[in-house]
Amino acid sequence: MINKVVGAKYVSILKTWVPNMVAWGTAGGVALIHFTDWRLVLDYVPYINGKFSKDE
C-alpha cells in the first residue's frame, strides 16, 4: 500500500534507515531523561515509584 503512494525506491531506503532511527531515538530519549529531572520521569514507573516516597 505504501509502495503505491511513495514508491518502491523510497520504501527500501526507509527500511534501511529504520534501525538507525530507532537507535538514535532511544539514545536521545535516554539522554533527555538523564539531563532533565529524572525523578519526574521515574515517578510513573510503578516499581521504582515506591522506592522514592516523599517524607513531607
PDB file of N, CA and C in Angstrom:
ATOM      1  N   MET A   1       0.827  -1.191   0.000  1.00  0.00           N
ATOM      2  CA  MET A   1       0.000   0.000   0.000  1.00  0.00           C
ATOM      3  C   MET A   1       0.876   1.262   0.000  1.00  0.00           C
ATOM      4  N   ILE A   2       1.932   1.235   0.801  1.00  0.00           N
ATOM      5  CA  ILE A   2       2.823   2.386   0.847  1.00  0.00           C
ATOM      6  C   ILE A   2       3.592   2.514  -0.469  1.00  0.00           C
ATOM      7  N   ASN A   3       3.855   1.372  -1.116  1.00  0.00           N
ATOM      8  CA  ASN A   3       4.563   1.400  -2.399  1.00  0.00           C
ATOM      9  C   ASN A   3       3.811   2.225  -3.433  1.00  0.00           C
ATOM     10  N   LYS A   4       2.493   2.170  -3.404  1.00  0.00           N
ATOM     11  CA  LYS A   4       1.701   2.908  -4.384  1.00  0.00           C
ATOM     12  C   LYS A   4       1.773   4.416  -4.142  1.00  0.00           C
ATOM     13  N   VAL A   5       1.862   4.812  -2.882  1.00  0.00           N
ATOM     14  CA  VAL A   5       1.865   6.238  -2.540  1.00  0.00           C
ATOM     15  C   VAL A   5       3.259   6.842  -2.697  1.00  0.00           C
ATOM     16  N   VAL A   6       4.249   6.175  -2.154  1.00  0.00           N
ATOM     17  CA  VAL A   6       5.595   6.743  -2.100  1.00  0.00           C
ATOM     18  C   VAL A   6       6.478   6.207  -3.223  1.00  0.00           C
ATOM     19  N   GLY A   7       6.459   4.938  -3.422  1.00  0.00           N
ATOM     20  CA  GLY A   7       7.321   4.320  -4.421  1.00  0.00           C
ATOM     21  C   GLY A   7       8.233   3.294  -3.783  1.00  0.00           C
ATOM     22  N   ALA A   8       8.593   2.277  -4.552  1.00  0.00           N
ATOM     23  CA  ALA A   8       9.396   1.175  -4.024  1.00  0.00           C
ATOM     24  C   ALA A   8      10.798   1.624  -3.625  1.00  0.00           C
ATOM     25  N   LYS A   9      11.347   2.566  -4.350  1.00  0.00           N
ATOM     26  CA  LYS A   9      12.710   3.040  -4.051  1.00  0.00           C
ATOM     27  C   LYS A   9      12.769   3.656  -2.654  1.00  0.00           C
ATOM     28  N   TYR A  10      11.792   4.502  -2.340  1.00  0.00           N
ATOM     29  CA  TYR A  10      11.806   5.185  -1.047  1.00  0.00           C
ATOM     30  C   TYR A  10      11.435   4.253   0.101  1.00  0.00           C
ATOM     31  N   VAL A  11      10.635   3.237  -0.174  1.00  0.00           N
ATOM     32  CA  VAL A  11      10.315   2.248   0.857  1.00  0.00           C
ATOM     33  C   VAL A  11      11.555   1.449   1.214  1.00  0.00           C
ATOM     34  N   SER A  12      12.359   1.075   0.218  1.00  0.00           N
ATOM     35  CA  SER A  12      13.589   0.329   0.514  1.00  0.00           C
ATOM     36  C   SER A  12      14.593   1.197   1.266  1.00  0.00           C
ATOM     37  N   ILE A  13      14.653   2.477   0.942  1.00  0.00           N
ATOM     38  CA  ILE A  13      15.532   3.389   1.683  1.00  0.00           C
ATOM     39  C   ILE A  13      15.063   3.519   3.131  1.00  0.00           C
ATOM     40  N   LEU A  14      13.756   3.612   3.329  1.00  0.00           N
ATOM     41  CA  LEU A  14      13.206   3.723   4.675  1.00  0.00           C
ATOM     42  C   LEU A  14      13.500   2.471   5.489  1.00  0.00           C
ATOM     43  N   LYS A  15      13.411   1.301   4.864  1.00  0.00           N
ATOM     44  CA  LYS A  15      13.681   0.050   5.577  1.00  0.00           C
ATOM     45  C   LYS A  15      15.126  -0.021   6.060  1.00  0.00           C
ATOM     46  N   THR A  16      16.047   0.559   5.316  1.00  0.00           N
ATOM     47  CA  THR A  16      17.440   0.527   5.757  1.00  0.00           C
ATOM     48  C   THR A  16      17.699   1.546   6.867  1.00  0.00           C
ATOM     49  N   TRP A  17      16.904   2.609   6.936  1.00  0.00           N
ATOM     50  CA  TRP A  17      17.114   3.649   7.931  1.00  0.00           C
ATOM     51  C   TRP A  17      16.376   3.399   9.239  1.00  0.00           C
ATOM     52  N   VAL A  18      15.399   2.512   9.277  1.00  0.00           N
ATOM     53  CA  VAL A  18      14.600   2.293  10.490  1.00  0.00           C
ATOM     54  C   VAL A  18      15.451   1.875  11.687  1.00  0.00           C
ATOM     55  N   PRO A  19      16.350   0.899  11.576  1.00  0.00           N
ATOM     56  CA  PRO A  19      17.159   0.551  12.760  1.00  0.00           C
ATOM     57  C   PRO A  19      18.016   1.709  13.259  1.00  0.00           C
ATOM     58  N   ASN A  20      18.536   2.501  12.349  1.00  0.00           N
ATOM     59  CA  ASN A  20      19.348   3.657  12.734  1.00  0.00           C
ATOM     60  C   ASN A  20      18.496   4.693  13.465  1.00  0.00           C
ATOM     61  N   MET A  21      17.293   4.941  12.963  1.00  0.00           N
ATOM     62  CA  MET A  21      16.410   5.911  13.612  1.00  0.00           C
ATOM     63  C   MET A  21      15.964   5.430  14.990  1.00  0.00           C
ATOM     64  N   VAL A  22      15.734   4.119  15.132  1.00  0.00           N
ATOM     65  CA  VAL A  22      15.356   3.573  16.438  1.00  0.00           C
ATOM     66  C   VAL A  22      16.506   3.729  17.432  1.00  0.00           C
ATOM     67  N   ALA A  23      17.714   3.460  16.995  1.00  0.00           N
ATOM     68  CA  ALA A  23      18.879   3.585  17.885  1.00  0.00           C
ATOM     69  C   ALA A  23      19.082   5.033  18.322  1.00  0.00           C
ATOM     70  N   TRP A  24      19.032   5.972  17.379  1.00  0.00           N
ATOM     71  CA  TRP A  24      19.203   7.380  17.735  1.00  0.00           C
ATOM     72  C   TRP A  24      18.041   7.890  18.590  1.00  0.00           C
ATOM     73  N   GLY A  25      16.850   7.421  18.331  1.00  0.00           N
ATOM     74  CA  GLY A  25      15.707   7.817  19.152  1.00  0.00           C
ATOM     75  C   GLY A  25      15.822   7.321  20.573  1.00  0.00           C
ATOM     76  N   THR A  26      16.277   6.089  20.726  1.00  0.00           N
ATOM     77  CA  THR A  26      16.482   5.538  22.068  1.00  0.00           C
ATOM     78  C   THR A  26      17.577   6.293  22.806  1.00  0.00           C
ATOM     79  N   ALA A  27      18.675   6.549  22.133  1.00  0.00           N
ATOM     80  CA  ALA A  27      19.770   7.303  22.761  1.00  0.00           C
ATOM     81  C   ALA A  27      19.313   8.717  23.127  1.00  0.00           C
ATOM     82  N   GLY A  28      18.541   9.333  22.261  1.00  0.00           N
ATOM     83  CA  GLY A  28      18.024  10.670  22.564  1.00  0.00           C
ATOM     84  C   GLY A  28      17.068  10.661  23.742  1.00  0.00           C
ATOM     85  N   GLY A  29      16.230   9.641  23.832  1.00  0.00           N
ATOM     86  CA  GLY A  29      15.312   9.530  24.963  1.00  0.00           C
ATOM     87  C   GLY A  29      16.030   9.330  26.274  1.00  0.00           C
ATOM     88  N   VAL A  30      17.045   8.483  26.266  1.00  0.00           N
ATOM     89  CA  VAL A  30      17.835   8.262  27.480  1.00  0.00           C
ATOM     90  C   VAL A  30      18.585   9.537  27.868  1.00  0.00           C
ATOM     91  N   ALA A  31      19.124  10.238  26.890  1.00  0.00           N
ATOM     92  CA  ALA A  31      19.830  11.496  27.179  1.00  0.00           C
ATOM     93  C   ALA A  31      18.871  12.543  27.717  1.00  0.00           C
ATOM     94  N   LEU A  32      17.664  12.590  27.184  1.00  0.00           N
ATOM     95  CA  LEU A  32      16.663  13.552  27.668  1.00  0.00           C
ATOM     96  C   LEU A  32      16.314  13.280  29.124  1.00  0.00           C
ATOM     97  N   ILE A  33      16.117  12.006  29.463  1.00  0.00           N
ATOM     98  CA  ILE A  33      15.819  11.656  30.852  1.00  0.00           C
ATOM     99  C   ILE A  33      17.016  11.942  31.745  1.00  0.00           C
ATOM    100  N   HIS A  34      18.221  11.688  31.242  1.00  0.00           N
ATOM    101  CA  HIS A  34      19.426  11.901  32.044  1.00  0.00           C
ATOM    102  C   HIS A  34      19.643  13.389  32.361  1.00  0.00           C
ATOM    103  N   PHE A  35      19.435  14.244  31.390  1.00  0.00           N
ATOM    104  CA  PHE A  35      19.728  15.663  31.584  1.00  0.00           C
ATOM    105  C   PHE A  35      18.551  16.465  32.112  1.00  0.00           C
ATOM    106  N   THR A  36      17.397  15.831  32.279  1.00  0.00           N
ATOM    107  CA  THR A  36      16.260  16.519  32.890  1.00  0.00           C
ATOM    108  C   THR A  36      16.047  15.942  34.278  1.00  0.00           C
ATOM    109  N   ASP A  37      14.949  16.293  34.883  1.00  0.00           N
ATOM    110  CA  ASP A  37      14.634  15.817  36.224  1.00  0.00           C
ATOM    111  C   ASP A  37      14.211  14.354  36.142  1.00  0.00           C
ATOM    112  N   TRP A  38      15.106  13.429  36.454  1.00  0.00           N
ATOM    113  CA  TRP A  38      14.825  12.006  36.310  1.00  0.00           C
ATOM    114  C   TRP A  38      13.763  11.534  37.271  1.00  0.00           C
ATOM    115  N   ARG A  39      13.605  12.198  38.426  1.00  0.00           N
ATOM    116  CA  ARG A  39      12.547  11.815  39.366  1.00  0.00           C
ATOM    117  C   ARG A  39      11.171  12.045  38.772  1.00  0.00           C
ATOM    118  N   LEU A  40      11.027  13.091  37.976  1.00  0.00           N
ATOM    119  CA  LEU A  40       9.758  13.384  37.333  1.00  0.00           C
ATOM    120  C   LEU A  40       9.344  12.247  36.412  1.00  0.00           C
ATOM    121  N   VAL A  41      10.291  11.664  35.710  1.00  0.00           N
ATOM    122  CA  VAL A  41      10.003  10.560  34.796  1.00  0.00           C
ATOM    123  C   VAL A  41       9.796   9.262  35.563  1.00  0.00           C
ATOM    124  N   LEU A  42      10.651   8.995  36.545  1.00  0.00           N
ATOM    125  CA  LEU A  42      10.584   7.719  37.263  1.00  0.00           C
ATOM    126  C   LEU A  42       9.417   7.631  38.232  1.00  0.00           C
ATOM    127  N   ASP A  43       8.743   8.727  38.521  1.00  0.00           N
ATOM    128  CA  ASP A  43       7.559   8.663  39.369  1.00  0.00           C
ATOM    129  C   ASP A  43       6.432   7.891  38.699  1.00  0.00           C
ATOM    130  N   TYR A  44       6.486   7.724  37.393  1.00  0.00           N
ATOM    131  CA  TYR A  44       5.446   6.995  36.672  1.00  0.00           C
ATOM    132  C   TYR A  44       5.779   5.517  36.490  1.00  0.00           C
ATOM    133  N   VAL A  45       6.964   5.072  36.890  1.00  0.00           N
ATOM    134  CA  VAL A  45       7.329   3.658  36.819  1.00  0.00           C
ATOM    135  C   VAL A  45       6.870   3.012  38.122  1.00  0.00           C
ATOM    136  N   PRO A  46       5.981   2.026  38.069  1.00  0.00           N
ATOM    137  CA  PRO A  46       5.359   1.514  39.302  1.00  0.00           C
ATOM    138  C   PRO A  46       6.349   0.968  40.337  1.00  0.00           C
ATOM    139  N   TYR A  47       7.314   0.152  39.943  1.00  0.00           N
ATOM    140  CA  TYR A  47       8.218  -0.463  40.913  1.00  0.00           C
ATOM    141  C   TYR A  47       9.138   0.570  41.552  1.00  0.00           C
ATOM    142  N   ILE A  48       9.630   1.504  40.767  1.00  0.00           N
ATOM    143  CA  ILE A  48      10.580   2.496  41.266  1.00  0.00           C
ATOM    144  C   ILE A  48       9.858   3.585  42.053  1.00  0.00           C
ATOM    145  N   ASN A  49       8.597   3.828  41.754  1.00  0.00           N
ATOM    146  CA  ASN A  49       7.832   4.881  42.413  1.00  0.00           C
ATOM    147  C   ASN A  49       7.783   4.664  43.921  1.00  0.00           C
ATOM    148  N   GLY A  50       7.667   3.417  44.390  1.00  0.00           N
ATOM    149  CA  GLY A  50       7.594   3.141  45.826  1.00  0.00           C
ATOM    150  C   GLY A  50       8.907   3.375  46.547  1.00  0.00           C
ATOM    151  N   LYS A  51      10.017   3.302  45.858  1.00  0.00           N
ATOM    152  CA  LYS A  51      11.319   3.470  46.497  1.00  0.00           C
ATOM    153  C   LYS A  51      11.590   4.913  46.885  1.00  0.00           C
ATOM    154  N   PHE A  52      10.987   5.851  46.195  1.00  0.00           N
ATOM    155  CA  PHE A  52      11.243   7.267  46.435  1.00  0.00           C
ATOM    156  C   PHE A  52      10.027   7.936  47.056  1.00  0.00           C
ATOM    157  N   SER A  53       9.561   7.413  48.164  1.00  0.00           N
ATOM    158  CA  SER A  53       8.406   8.031  48.803  1.00  0.00           C
ATOM    159  C   SER A  53       8.809   9.361  49.427  1.00  0.00           C
ATOM    160  N   LYS A  54       7.921  10.322  49.352  1.00  0.00           N
ATOM    161  CA  LYS A  54       8.209  11.659  49.877  1.00  0.00           C
ATOM    162  C   LYS A  54       7.843  11.708  51.346  1.00  0.00           C
ATOM    163  N   ASP A  55       8.773  12.110  52.179  1.00  0.00           N
ATOM    164  CA  ASP A  55       8.562  12.163  53.624  1.00  0.00           C
ATOM    165  C   ASP A  55       8.249  13.590  54.060  1.00  0.00           C
ATOM    166  N   GLU A  56       7.310  14.195  53.411  1.00  0.00           N
ATOM    167  CA  GLU A  56       6.987  15.597  53.728  1.00  0.00           C
ATOM    168  C   GLU A  56       5.983  15.701  54.834  1.00  0.00           C
TER     169      GLU A  56
END
